Amino acid sequence: MTVVLFLFGYREIPRVLALYDLDLQLPHARAAIRGHFRKNGNVKDERVVNMLVEKGYMELEETLLQWKQRSHLMRILEGYIAPSGASRKFLGQNPTIEEQFNRA
């Protein structure tokens, strides 16, 4: 079952990249998905494996229905963590115009 879900999700990566207009190379996106599967590769309890499979299927379904935002997928695929809170909006004394636009 896990292999079937992995292959189904693996096939849907080009569609997801097109739906969300992500500037990621296909091999990089596939490696990120593969890494998420390998992260839980040592789980042996069948109940936990079934729960992870169901969660993965729900994530895939929500992604294909476009219930996620682009930033959610970037965090999953790139591991991107943006500065949060006040540090995100902090500018120095003489910020350039690029810094002002990039802080959004």
Protein backbone atom coordinates (compact mmCIF):
# COMPACT_ATOMS: atom_id res chain seq x y z
CA MET A 1 0.00 0.00 0.00
CA THR A 2 2.79 2.43 0.87
CA VAL A 3 4.55 1.74 -2.41
CA VAL A 4 1.34 2.34 -4.36
CA LEU A 5 0.76 5.67 -2.60
CA PHE A 6 4.39 6.64 -3.17
CA LEU A 7 4.18 5.85 -6.88
CA PHE A 8 0.86 7.67 -7.23
CA GLY A 9 2.26 10.75 -5.49
CA TYR A 10 5.47 10.43 -7.48
CA ARG A 11 3.51 10.54 -10.74
CA GLU A 12 1.53 13.60 -9.63
CA ILE A 13 4.59 15.79 -8.96
CA PRO A 14 4.69 17.36 -12.46
CA ARG A 15 1.00 18.21 -12.16
CA VAL A 16 1.51 19.77 -8.72
CA LEU A 17 4.47 21.82 -9.98
CA ALA A 18 2.32 23.11 -12.84
CA LEU A 19 -0.76 23.80 -10.70
CA TYR A 20 1.16 25.88 -8.19
CA ASP A 21 3.61 27.37 -10.71
CA LEU A 22 6.65 26.28 -8.69
CA ASP A 23 10.14 26.94 -10.04
CA LEU A 24 11.57 23.60 -8.96
CA GLN A 25 13.34 21.05 -11.06
CA LEU A 26 11.46 17.75 -11.24
CA PRO A 27 14.38 15.67 -9.85
CA HIS A 28 14.70 18.03 -6.89
CA ALA A 29 10.97 17.77 -6.10
CA ARG A 30 11.06 14.00 -6.42
CA ALA A 31 14.08 13.81 -4.11
CA ALA A 32 12.20 15.88 -1.51
CA ILE A 33 9.19 13.56 -1.63
CA ARG A 34 11.46 10.51 -1.47
CA GLY A 35 13.14 12.02 1.58
CA HIS A 36 9.81 12.33 3.38
CA PHE A 37 9.12 8.64 2.78
CA ARG A 38 12.59 7.62 3.92
CA LYS A 39 12.30 9.75 7.04
CA ASN A 40 9.65 7.31 8.31
CA GLY A 41 11.31 4.19 6.89
CA ASN A 42 12.16 2.74 10.28
CA VAL A 43 8.54 2.61 11.48
CA LYS A 44 7.52 -1.02 12.04
CA ASP A 45 4.16 -0.77 13.82
CA GLU A 46 1.46 -1.58 11.28
CA ARG A 47 -1.04 0.84 12.83
CA VAL A 48 1.42 3.71 12.59
CA VAL A 49 2.29 2.78 9.00
CA ASN A 50 -1.41 2.78 8.09
CA MET A 51 -1.85 6.16 9.76
CA LEU A 52 1.12 7.59 7.83
CA VAL A 53 -0.26 6.21 4.56
CA GLU A 54 -3.66 7.80 5.22
CA LYS A 55 -2.04 11.09 6.17
CA GLY A 56 0.07 11.04 3.00
CA TYR A 57 -3.00 10.32 0.88
CA MET A 58 -4.88 13.22 2.52
CA GLU A 59 -1.92 15.55 1.92
CA LEU A 60 -1.82 14.53 -1.74
CA GLU A 61 -5.57 14.96 -2.15
CA GLU A 62 -5.55 18.40 -0.49
CA THR A 63 -2.67 19.45 -2.71
CA LEU A 64 -4.39 18.33 -5.91
CA LEU A 65 -7.62 20.07 -4.88
CA GLN A 66 -5.55 23.23 -4.35
CA TRP A 67 -6.50 23.57 -0.70
CA LYS A 68 -2.87 24.37 0.11
CA GLN A 69 -1.07 27.59 -0.53
CA ARG A 70 2.13 27.88 -2.51
CA SER A 71 4.17 28.59 0.62
CA HIS A 72 2.96 25.35 2.22
CA LEU A 73 4.33 23.34 -0.68
CA MET A 74 7.60 25.25 -0.68
CA ARG A 75 8.10 24.30 2.96
CA ILE A 76 7.45 20.65 2.14
CA LEU A 77 9.58 20.52 -1.00
CA GLU A 78 12.45 22.84 -0.12
CA GLY A 79 12.40 22.87 3.64
CA TYR A 80 12.17 26.64 3.42
CA ILE A 81 11.73 28.38 6.74
CA ALA A 82 11.06 32.09 6.47
CA PRO A 83 11.88 34.43 9.31
CA SER A 84 8.76 35.02 11.33
CA GLY A 85 7.32 37.79 13.43
CA ALA A 86 9.18 41.03 13.95
CA SER A 87 12.47 39.74 12.49
CA ARG A 88 10.76 39.35 9.13
CA LYS A 89 9.80 43.02 9.00
CA PHE A 90 12.98 44.51 10.45
CA LEU A 91 14.87 46.92 8.22
CA GLY A 92 18.16 48.64 8.92
CA GLN A 93 18.65 52.40 9.05
CA ASN A 94 19.13 52.93 5.31
CA PRO A 95 17.39 50.06 3.54
CA THR A 96 17.62 49.72 -0.20
CA ILE A 97 14.48 49.59 -2.29
CA GLU A 98 15.08 45.83 -2.86
CA GLU A 99 15.16 45.20 0.90
CA GLN A 100 11.93 47.10 1.32
CA PHE A 101 10.16 45.01 -1.31
CA ASN A 102 11.68 41.71 -0.16
CA ARG A 103 10.48 42.02 3.42
CA ALA A 104 6.85 41.42 2.54
